[in-house]
């Protein structure tokens, strides 16, 4: 037993010594590889405020400990690099020398995603990496032609160049691509050429193919006849001019693909009946958006799809009655911009997993299923532009995850849904152009709300005070209602209207500015802001605090009963493009400071009670006479009324001090009526007194009266 214990002890000591030696002699990555990585990161040209600088400042001597760098556990050589978005904030593009990576001889994976790469020097150099299996350069701005050797490296399994500006003929690249390839993604680039799918027939390992959104590419799957050796799992062929030479039909080879998880055939103008068989061939995500398919939604099938997008086609008829049974796993359903009619099936409300529903731009009628809004996991609901009726949402609706609610252009009645106070994550509410009544008086403060759009209803009461606490508001449209009371002066608390705070909207917004309804999406959506309170019965003065909303681009307060002067603080609205104050009861003069607002391209104060001269400036010279009409005491160009030169006082015209003093005295009622009485008395007694004092005057007066009476009698009897 003692001998055995001694042996175990010696063995343990030996293991400890070996471990210590390994720790002592392993100095991390090789010097040559560390130097290459340092040169790579230094070539980014980052500034001290960038994420790349922060990344570089965390470097250790051992490059195997650097973020995104993985080394082999056996020899500490770099085998994987994952640089994701470390140079995304740089103002200058990164022009990368690919020969630096050729020094990493054992490199197997190179991922340079979202790093603002604008070009590549020596791109062929990485073809020397015999072990490279994954090359991922997606989400950059690379303007290059793809070196031929990238595709035919025997070791490469993944080649992802998506979301760049790569160009060139794609046919030659695919024709010579390695037969070991598993993932090809060239989506969102500038490739061109005619690509027959037959050149891919022998890629037996192909699992993922993405050619979407190459607008000058033409993909043909039907001619010549071919038979695939692969079973693809993800196939992305959106907007690539698919099968335009063979009748624009759905690729027939898809009927032999039994492992399809994702299929995107969007935006190809494909024709034919509703492809029911695809609902069963594809297991997870199916997008047929923006094609020309016709027919009705099938009733008798069952699918495991989690996402189904059939929007912007020509489907008609009713939605399936047992929706929840045929699509039990559905998370996202988009059937917008079709010709579906009838009621929304009650079974849609019984779908337990639905998180995103878009049925907009159809011919649907009837009420919204109660189940759709009770204890619902929905985060996006769009039922706009239909003929739906009843209350917009159930009284006891509960959608705690809801971010986006679009119900505009329907026939909804009743009050504004108070149950939205339970949806504290809301970013957009759009119930415009319905027949809603009542007030908005019990709404919670929705801190994430970016657009609050209720225009074109019959909602009354005061503007909700909760607006002042909704600091992320970007668009506010309460126009064409019956709101009364004052404009809340606390609207200046908004972070988006006041400061350059990034808005949180991504759904396109239709907003009226400069008298034109415009659709804002993408980058213009992030830049635009607006307030529209027009066509209500608001009273009182315009709050001076609105002048603090320096990031506001559009302000419409027209067609109300607002009084007082135009705030001089408006001169601080440095980004304002449209200002409409017409059809109110505003007085005073137009502040000269407003004429210096260089961004202002639409301005109207028509039909108020303004006076004085219109300020002259280059900016104001672009406005028309109709922008100032209806103000009788306003003068100057572009009006036809010329100014006399005495219109520049505080009220718009020069007043004589003595006249002003007289007006002030006679404006007092007691003085006014006393003056009238004295004037009447003087006139009466000035006539009667001479008759009473002088007998001669009295006789002449009565003789004259007698002659007039005789004359009148003579005329009467003569007739």
Foldseek 3Di string as FASTA:
>chain_A
DVVVVVVVVVVVVVVVVVVVVCVVPCPAEDPLLVVLVVVQLVQLPDDCPALSVVQVVPDDPHNCPRPQWHADPPRRQTAGGAAEQSQQPDPDAREGECLSVLSSQNHAEYAHYRNQHAEYHPPVNCLNNLRHAYDHYENYAYAEEDPLSVFARQNYAEDHHEHYAYEDECQSSLLRGHLNHAYDAHENYQYADEHECQSQQSSANHAYYHHYDNQRYAYEDPPPDHAHNYQYAEYHHANRLYNVVPQQADRPNLVVRQNHAYDAHHDNQHEEEDPPVVQASHAEYYAHYQYAYEEEDDADAAHNYQYYHPDNYAYEEEDHQQVCGRHQNYAEYHHDHYAYEEEDHLNVLVRQRHAYYAHDHYAYEEEDRQSCFAVHQHQYDAHDHYAYEEANYDQQGAHQNHAYAHHDDYAYEEADRQNCLNNLNYAEDAHAQYAYEEENERHDQNQQHAEYHHYNYAYEEADYPSLLNNQLHFEYHHEHYAYEEADDLSNLNHCVQQHVDFHDDAPWDFDDALNDTDIDHDPSVRQAGEHAHYQYAYEEADHLSSLNRQSHAGYHHEHYAYEEADHPSVLSNQRHAEYHHDHYAYFWEDPLSVLPNVNHQYAAHEQYQYAAEDHDDPNVQNDAPRRHYNHVRYDDPPDPHHDPPQQPDRRRGHDDPVVVVVCVVCVDVVVVVVVVVVVVVCVVCVPVVVLVPDVVVVVVVVVVVVVVVVVVVVVVVVD
